[in-house]
Amino acid sequence: KTMAHIDSKYYPYFKIQEGFSTHVELDYIPKKVMDYLLDMPIGEYQPKDDNSYPRCRFWKYLLYDGVRPLDNPLPTPKQKKDVLFNPEKSEQPPTNKGYRLIPQIYIKPAQENAQTRVYVYLGRGIAEDDFKTQMSIVFEIWSHYTQESNTKANESYSRTLAIADALYHSLHGVNIAGVGTFYFNRSKHPDCSSTPLYDDNSNIGRRLVLGIELDSDTLNGNEENNLVSIGNGLYI
């Protein structure tokens, strides 16, 4: 047979290799991560106001700029939604403190107006082999230098490092259905790291890069109308 079926997705050519990661839902990964980090009530589930829970710490460090943020109550669902970037009202910060949680690499109004903000976006994809892709997800945490450290009441810590640590503990080793399991392993993805940031102006921060393994999500075998395959035998 020298030509593919007329209804083949790849006409007039044959797709000879099956069993690979299609990457068709890559664009949903940041949203799924954001939904997970929002940690909203679902059915009988209610987020706990307990600082041993990393997402609880994440929200307190993100929302409260004053001294001892962990002493404050867990933000309400409305407060969490109010700090989430709204693309339909990009010119209007949802709170008087500006944008906070943004599922994109860069938003100009947020970059110019926000104090503490977290950007979530996909980084490099590394082909491990024909059937697996190691993808990275990047968290950039920025804060104005006046909000980065609090030294009142004998307290001194890095806000952006604390947020990065809460993100790390929220995601490392966690399997999010439809996304995969997050890891922090440079031997699997060379970009995995935690790095300080500085914009040569008045903002400083932290970049946390985690990895996700995308496994094969297609079957080994012929797709409909594509009669030639490789994988279980030789090219025919």
Protein backbone atom coordinates (compact mmCIF):
# COMPACT_ATOMS: atom_id res chain seq x y z
CA LYS A 1 0.00 0.00 0.00
CA THR A 2 1.59 3.25 -1.09
CA MET A 3 -0.91 5.88 0.04
CA ALA A 4 -2.85 6.42 3.24
CA HIS A 5 -6.61 6.13 3.45
CA ILE A 6 -8.39 9.26 2.26
CA ASP A 7 -9.89 9.75 5.75
CA SER A 8 -6.60 9.39 7.57
CA LYS A 9 -5.64 12.27 9.86
CA TYR A 10 -2.24 12.22 8.20
CA TYR A 11 -3.23 11.80 4.52
CA PRO A 12 -1.44 11.32 2.20
CA TYR A 13 1.26 9.99 4.53
CA PHE A 14 1.35 7.17 7.02
CA LYS A 15 1.92 7.66 10.71
CA ILE A 16 4.06 4.64 11.45
CA GLN A 17 4.72 5.11 15.18
CA GLU A 18 2.09 4.88 17.88
CA GLY A 19 2.25 5.09 21.64
CA PHE A 20 3.38 8.64 22.39
CA SER A 21 2.34 11.64 24.46
CA THR A 22 0.08 13.82 22.34
CA HIS A 23 0.56 16.98 24.47
CA VAL A 24 -3.02 17.91 23.60
CA GLU A 25 -3.84 19.14 27.12
CA LEU A 26 -0.65 21.04 27.89
CA ASP A 27 -2.50 24.34 27.92
CA TYR A 28 -4.77 23.04 30.70
CA ILE A 29 -1.91 22.31 33.11
CA PRO A 30 -1.50 25.86 34.52
CA LYS A 31 -5.27 26.09 35.09
CA LYS A 32 -5.37 22.74 36.87
CA VAL A 33 -2.47 23.83 39.04
CA MET A 34 -4.22 27.12 39.79
CA ASP A 35 -7.46 25.33 40.69
CA TYR A 36 -5.50 23.07 43.03
CA LEU A 37 -3.69 25.99 44.66
CA LEU A 38 -6.97 27.89 45.13
CA ASP A 39 -8.00 25.04 47.44
CA MET A 40 -11.71 25.86 47.37
CA PRO A 41 -14.44 24.02 49.32
CA ILE A 42 -15.81 21.07 47.34
CA GLY A 43 -18.77 19.10 48.69
CA GLU A 44 -17.87 17.97 52.21
CA TYR A 45 -14.27 19.12 51.80
CA GLN A 46 -13.32 22.31 53.61
CA PRO A 47 -9.76 23.71 53.56
CA LYS A 48 -8.23 23.65 57.04
CA ASP A 49 -6.84 26.71 58.78
CA ASP A 50 -3.74 24.80 59.84
CA ASN A 51 -0.23 26.05 59.11
CA SER A 52 1.03 22.50 58.71
CA TYR A 53 -0.97 22.44 55.44
CA PRO A 54 1.24 23.95 52.71
CA ARG A 55 -1.59 25.55 50.73
CA CYS A 56 -2.76 27.26 53.91
CA ARG A 57 0.74 28.73 54.39
CA PHE A 58 0.88 29.69 50.73
CA TRP A 59 -2.26 31.80 50.96
CA LYS A 60 -1.29 33.50 54.19
CA TYR A 61 2.15 34.47 52.88
CA LEU A 62 0.62 35.65 49.62
CA LEU A 63 -2.25 37.69 51.03
CA TYR A 64 -0.95 39.18 54.26
CA ASP A 65 1.86 41.70 53.90
CA GLY A 66 2.27 42.54 57.58
CA VAL A 67 4.25 40.92 60.35
CA ARG A 68 3.58 37.27 61.21
CA PRO A 69 1.32 36.39 58.26
CA LEU A 70 0.85 32.86 59.57
CA ASP A 71 -0.95 34.27 62.62
CA ASN A 72 -3.77 35.50 60.38
CA PRO A 73 -6.86 33.45 59.50
CA LEU A 74 -6.97 31.39 56.33
CA PRO A 75 -8.29 33.64 53.52
CA THR A 76 -11.90 33.01 52.59
CA PRO A 77 -12.88 31.62 49.18
CA LYS A 78 -13.89 35.13 48.12
CA GLN A 79 -10.55 36.57 49.21
CA LYS A 80 -8.74 33.89 47.21
CA LYS A 81 -10.81 34.58 44.11
CA ASP A 82 -10.21 38.30 44.50
CA VAL A 83 -6.45 37.87 44.14
CA LEU A 84 -6.75 35.67 41.04
CA PHE A 85 -5.95 37.50 37.82
CA ASN A 86 -9.08 38.23 35.76
CA PRO A 87 -8.21 38.54 32.04
CA GLU A 88 -11.58 40.21 31.38
CA LYS A 89 -10.63 43.08 33.69
CA SER A 90 -6.89 43.16 33.16
CA GLU A 91 -6.69 46.90 33.72
CA GLN A 92 -8.42 46.75 37.11
CA PRO A 93 -6.63 45.17 40.07
CA PRO A 94 -9.13 43.09 42.05
CA THR A 95 -7.79 44.39 45.36
CA ASN A 96 -6.07 47.56 46.46
CA LYS A 97 -2.85 45.55 46.64
CA GLY A 98 -2.83 44.63 42.97
CA TYR A 99 -2.73 41.27 41.27
CA ARG A 100 -1.41 38.27 43.08
CA LEU A 101 -1.90 34.93 41.31
CA ILE A 102 -1.51 34.92 37.52
CA PRO A 103 -1.56 31.82 35.25
CA GLN A 104 0.67 33.38 32.60
CA ILE A 105 4.29 34.38 32.13
CA TYR A 106 3.69 38.13 31.93
CA ILE A 107 0.81 40.58 32.29
CA LYS A 108 1.80 44.22 31.93
CA PRO A 109 -0.69 45.82 34.36
CA ALA A 110 0.17 43.20 36.96
CA GLN A 111 3.88 43.70 36.40
CA GLU A 112 3.58 47.45 36.90
CA ASN A 113 1.05 47.64 39.71
CA ALA A 114 1.31 44.53 41.88
CA GLN A 115 3.25 44.15 45.09
CA THR A 116 3.47 40.42 45.71
CA ARG A 117 2.55 38.24 42.73
CA VAL A 118 2.97 34.67 41.52
CA TYR A 119 3.14 33.73 37.84
CA VAL A 120 2.48 30.11 36.83
CA TYR A 121 3.42 28.91 33.35
CA LEU A 122 4.87 25.97 31.44
CA GLY A 123 8.59 25.87 30.77
CA ARG A 124 10.72 23.61 28.59
CA GLY A 125 9.62 20.20 27.38
CA ILE A 126 12.43 17.63 27.23
CA ALA A 127 11.99 14.53 25.07
CA GLU A 128 13.11 11.59 27.20
CA ASP A 129 12.40 9.09 24.44
CA ASP A 130 9.77 8.44 21.77
CA PHE A 131 7.09 7.86 24.38
CA LYS A 132 7.77 10.20 27.31
CA THR A 133 8.16 13.95 27.69
CA GLN A 134 9.53 15.66 30.78
CA MET A 135 7.75 19.01 31.06
CA SER A 136 8.59 21.79 33.49
CA ILE A 137 6.20 24.16 35.24
CA VAL A 138 7.59 27.48 36.42
CA PHE A 139 6.51 29.57 39.39
CA GLU A 140 7.87 33.10 39.48
CA ILE A 141 7.27 34.86 42.77
CA TRP A 142 7.86 38.60 42.84
CA SER A 143 7.59 41.07 45.67
CA HIS A 144 8.47 44.71 46.19
CA TYR A 145 11.57 45.00 48.34
CA THR A 146 9.54 46.69 51.10
CA GLN A 147 7.35 43.57 51.32
CA GLU A 148 10.09 40.96 50.90
CA SER A 149 11.33 41.09 54.48
CA ASN A 150 9.65 41.99 57.74
CA THR A 151 11.94 42.63 60.69
CA LYS A 152 9.40 43.98 63.16
CA ALA A 153 8.86 42.12 66.41
CA ASN A 154 12.23 40.39 65.99
CA GLU A 155 10.95 38.59 62.88
CA SER A 156 13.04 38.25 59.75
CA TYR A 157 12.26 36.02 56.78
CA SER A 158 12.07 36.04 53.01
CA ARG A 159 8.45 36.26 51.86
CA THR A 160 9.19 34.98 48.35
CA LEU A 161 11.27 32.08 49.66
CA ALA A 162 8.47 31.18 52.09
CA ILE A 163 5.96 31.21 49.22
CA ALA A 164 8.27 29.08 47.06
CA ASP A 165 8.64 26.60 49.93
CA ALA A 166 4.86 26.41 50.37
CA LEU A 167 4.44 25.80 46.63
CA TYR A 168 7.12 23.10 46.71
CA HIS A 169 5.41 21.26 49.56
CA SER A 170 1.99 21.71 47.95
CA LEU A 171 3.02 20.05 44.68
CA HIS A 172 6.13 17.87 45.06
CA GLY A 173 5.17 14.22 44.72
CA VAL A 174 1.49 15.07 44.17
CA ASN A 175 -0.35 13.46 41.27
CA ILE A 176 -2.94 15.76 39.72
CA ALA A 177 -5.35 13.74 37.62
CA GLY A 178 -4.93 14.45 33.94
CA VAL A 179 -1.65 16.27 34.53
CA GLY A 180 0.79 13.91 36.16
CA THR A 181 3.06 13.74 39.19
CA PHE A 182 5.23 16.71 40.08
CA TYR A 183 8.87 16.16 40.97
CA PHE A 184 12.02 18.12 41.81
CA ASN A 185 14.76 16.09 40.18
CA ARG A 186 17.40 17.57 37.90
CA SER A 187 18.33 14.15 36.53
CA LYS A 188 14.81 13.92 35.06
CA HIS A 189 14.47 17.57 34.03
CA PRO A 190 17.58 19.78 34.03
CA ASP A 191 15.58 22.95 34.77
CA CYS A 192 14.37 21.82 38.20
CA SER A 193 15.69 24.48 40.55
CA SER A 194 14.96 27.27 43.01
CA THR A 195 16.65 30.52 42.01
CA PRO A 196 16.64 34.12 43.31
CA LEU A 197 15.30 36.83 41.00
CA TYR A 198 15.96 40.57 40.75
CA ASP A 199 14.65 43.02 38.16
CA ASP A 200 17.40 45.68 38.63
CA ASN A 201 14.78 47.98 40.08
CA SER A 202 12.75 47.52 43.25
CA ASN A 203 11.40 43.97 42.87
CA ILE A 204 13.03 40.78 44.06
CA GLY A 205 11.79 37.24 44.06
CA ARG A 206 12.24 33.55 43.50
CA ARG A 207 11.80 31.16 40.56
CA LEU A 208 10.77 27.60 41.41
CA VAL A 209 10.82 25.04 38.60
CA LEU A 210 9.21 21.63 39.05
CA GLY A 211 8.97 18.79 36.55
CA ILE A 212 6.03 16.71 35.32
CA GLU A 213 6.32 13.46 33.40
CA LEU A 214 3.95 13.15 30.46
CA ASP A 215 3.59 9.48 29.56
CA SER A 216 2.25 7.90 26.42
CA ASP A 217 -1.47 8.56 26.08
CA THR A 218 -2.11 6.75 22.80
CA LEU A 219 -2.40 3.03 22.18
CA ASN A 220 0.21 0.90 20.49
CA GLY A 221 -1.58 -0.05 17.32
CA ASN A 222 -3.20 1.36 14.24
CA GLU A 223 -5.34 4.44 14.41
CA GLU A 224 -8.53 4.35 12.40
CA ASN A 225 -7.82 4.79 8.68
CA ASN A 226 -4.08 4.57 9.32
CA LEU A 227 -3.16 1.00 8.43
CA VAL A 228 0.61 0.98 8.90
CA SER A 229 2.29 1.04 12.28
CA ILE A 230 5.56 0.38 14.04
CA GLY A 231 5.91 -0.60 17.65
CA ASN A 232 4.74 -4.18 17.96
CA GLY A 233 6.73 -5.32 14.95
CA LEU A 234 8.42 -4.03 11.83
CA TYR A 235 7.30 -1.38 9.40
CA ILE A 236 4.99 -3.14 6.95
